[in-house]
C-alpha cells in the first residue's frame, strides 16, 4: 500500500517527502524498499539512503528488506 502510493505520488509530483515520528527505522526502511522496487539490492539501497542522512534500522527491518528484494527477484523471473 505505502509503496504503491509513493510510486504514484512520485509519478504525479516528481518529489515526495517521507518521514515518521522519530526518523529512525521506518523512514529509511521505506525509502530503501522503494529503491529495491526500482531494482537495487538491499545493501546498495541502504548505502544510498545512509549517504543522504545517517540512518539506523533494526535487524528485523534489515531482514524484511532482504525478503522484499528476494520476493521482487522471484516475481521478475516469473
Foldseek 3Di string as FASTA:
>chain_A
DVLVVVVVCCVVPVDDDDADDVRAAPRLLSQLLNVLLVPDQSVVSSVVSCVVPNYHHDPVSSVVSNVSNVVSVVVVVD
